[in-house]
Amino acid sequence: MALKSMSVAKLQDLRSKVDAEIAEKVSARRRELEMQLSELTHNDPRGSRGKARGRGVRGPVAPKYRNPKDPSQTWAGRGLQPLWMRDAIKSGKKLDSFLIK
């Protein structure tokens, strides 16, 4: 196809055909990628793809503190302080005095 010998009308027609074909190929590829993405999000073990990444669930840890009055009561240092520790600290004891060695 000799582009230099074509008329302006034929060149414009050719350009519109090329633009239409490019748009069709882009659209087909986009549909293909959206299908793959929907399959990936459907099979995602974490649930939704759009969830914010936080700290997540942390596993159990060994206790760091023990109640000297009742050795069965321990605390790992996570979450709220147990009542026995809160009461002891209010009465003047130090947190380090409850550490498990």
Protein backbone atom coordinates (compact mmCIF):
# COMPACT_ATOMS: atom_id res chain seq x y z
CA MET A 1 0.00 0.00 0.00
CA ALA A 2 1.65 3.21 -1.14
CA LEU A 3 0.52 5.92 1.24
CA LYS A 4 2.03 8.72 -0.83
CA SER A 5 -0.14 7.90 -3.83
CA MET A 6 -3.42 7.74 -1.81
CA SER A 7 -5.87 10.62 -1.76
CA VAL A 8 -6.62 12.56 1.42
CA ALA A 9 -10.08 11.00 1.71
CA LYS A 10 -8.67 7.47 1.45
CA LEU A 11 -5.95 8.30 4.03
CA GLN A 12 -8.56 9.66 6.47
CA ASP A 13 -10.69 6.54 5.90
CA LEU A 14 -7.65 4.34 6.56
CA ARG A 15 -6.84 6.31 9.72
CA SER A 16 -10.39 5.87 11.04
CA LYS A 17 -10.21 2.11 10.34
CA VAL A 18 -6.84 1.88 12.15
CA ASP A 19 -8.16 3.89 15.11
CA ALA A 20 -11.25 1.65 15.32
CA GLU A 21 -9.11 -1.51 15.21
CA ILE A 22 -6.77 -0.17 17.91
CA ALA A 23 -9.73 0.72 20.11
CA GLU A 24 -11.20 -2.77 19.65
CA LYS A 25 -7.91 -4.47 20.56
CA VAL A 26 -7.47 -2.26 23.64
CA SER A 27 -11.03 -2.99 24.72
CA ALA A 28 -10.57 -6.75 24.25
CA ARG A 29 -7.32 -6.72 26.24
CA ARG A 30 -8.96 -4.69 29.01
CA ARG A 31 -11.82 -7.21 29.26
CA GLU A 32 -9.28 -10.05 29.40
CA LEU A 33 -7.33 -8.36 32.21
CA GLU A 34 -10.49 -7.55 34.17
CA MET A 35 -11.52 -11.21 33.96
CA GLN A 36 -8.12 -12.29 35.28
CA LEU A 37 -8.33 -9.72 38.07
CA SER A 38 -11.78 -10.87 39.10
CA GLU A 39 -10.52 -14.47 39.23
CA LEU A 40 -7.59 -13.41 41.38
CA THR A 41 -9.76 -11.46 43.81
CA HIS A 42 -12.22 -14.34 43.95
CA ASN A 43 -9.44 -16.76 44.90
CA ASP A 44 -7.68 -14.35 47.30
CA PRO A 45 -7.31 -16.10 50.68
CA ARG A 46 -7.23 -12.74 52.50
CA GLY A 47 -10.71 -11.86 51.28
CA SER A 48 -11.21 -8.63 49.44
CA ARG A 49 -8.37 -7.13 47.46
CA GLY A 50 -9.26 -3.66 48.70
CA LYS A 51 -8.76 -4.28 52.41
CA ALA A 52 -6.31 -2.03 54.14
CA ARG A 53 -3.14 -3.66 55.22
CA GLY A 54 -2.94 -3.45 58.96
CA ARG A 55 -1.00 -5.33 61.50
CA GLY A 56 -3.30 -8.30 61.23
CA VAL A 57 -3.78 -10.98 63.84
CA ARG A 58 -0.75 -11.60 65.93
CA GLY A 59 -0.11 -15.02 67.36
CA PRO A 60 0.16 -15.95 71.01
CA VAL A 61 3.27 -15.01 72.96
CA ALA A 62 4.74 -16.27 76.19
CA PRO A 63 3.67 -14.44 79.36
CA LYS A 64 6.05 -11.77 80.66
CA TYR A 65 4.38 -10.96 83.99
CA ARG A 66 3.04 -13.15 86.80
CA ASN A 67 0.87 -12.36 89.81
CA PRO A 68 2.94 -13.24 92.91
CA LYS A 69 -0.23 -13.84 94.95
CA ASP A 70 -1.71 -16.24 92.36
CA PRO A 71 0.96 -17.72 90.03
CA SER A 72 -1.73 -19.01 87.65
CA GLN A 73 -2.50 -15.40 86.63
CA THR A 74 -0.12 -14.18 83.95
CA TRP A 75 -0.02 -11.42 81.34
CA ALA A 76 1.96 -11.22 78.10
CA GLY A 77 2.06 -7.42 78.08
CA ARG A 78 -0.47 -7.10 75.26
CA GLY A 79 -3.85 -5.49 75.55
CA LEU A 80 -5.31 -4.09 78.73
CA GLN A 81 -3.54 -4.63 82.02
CA PRO A 82 -5.23 -7.23 84.20
CA LEU A 83 -7.01 -5.96 87.27
CA TRP A 84 -4.56 -7.60 89.69
CA MET A 85 -1.65 -5.75 88.06
CA ARG A 86 -3.50 -2.45 87.84
CA ASP A 87 -4.40 -2.62 91.54
CA ALA A 88 -0.84 -3.52 92.55
CA ILE A 89 0.65 -0.65 90.51
CA LYS A 90 -1.84 1.78 92.07
CA SER A 91 -0.73 0.59 95.49
CA GLY A 92 2.90 1.52 94.66
CA LYS A 93 4.51 -1.60 93.16
CA LYS A 94 6.63 -1.38 90.03
CA LEU A 95 5.86 -3.20 86.79
CA ASP A 96 9.32 -4.79 86.86
CA SER A 97 8.52 -6.56 90.11
CA PHE A 98 6.06 -8.82 88.22
CA LEU A 99 8.50 -9.91 85.48
CA ILE A 100 8.91 -13.65 84.95
CA LYS A 101 12.58 -14.53 85.08
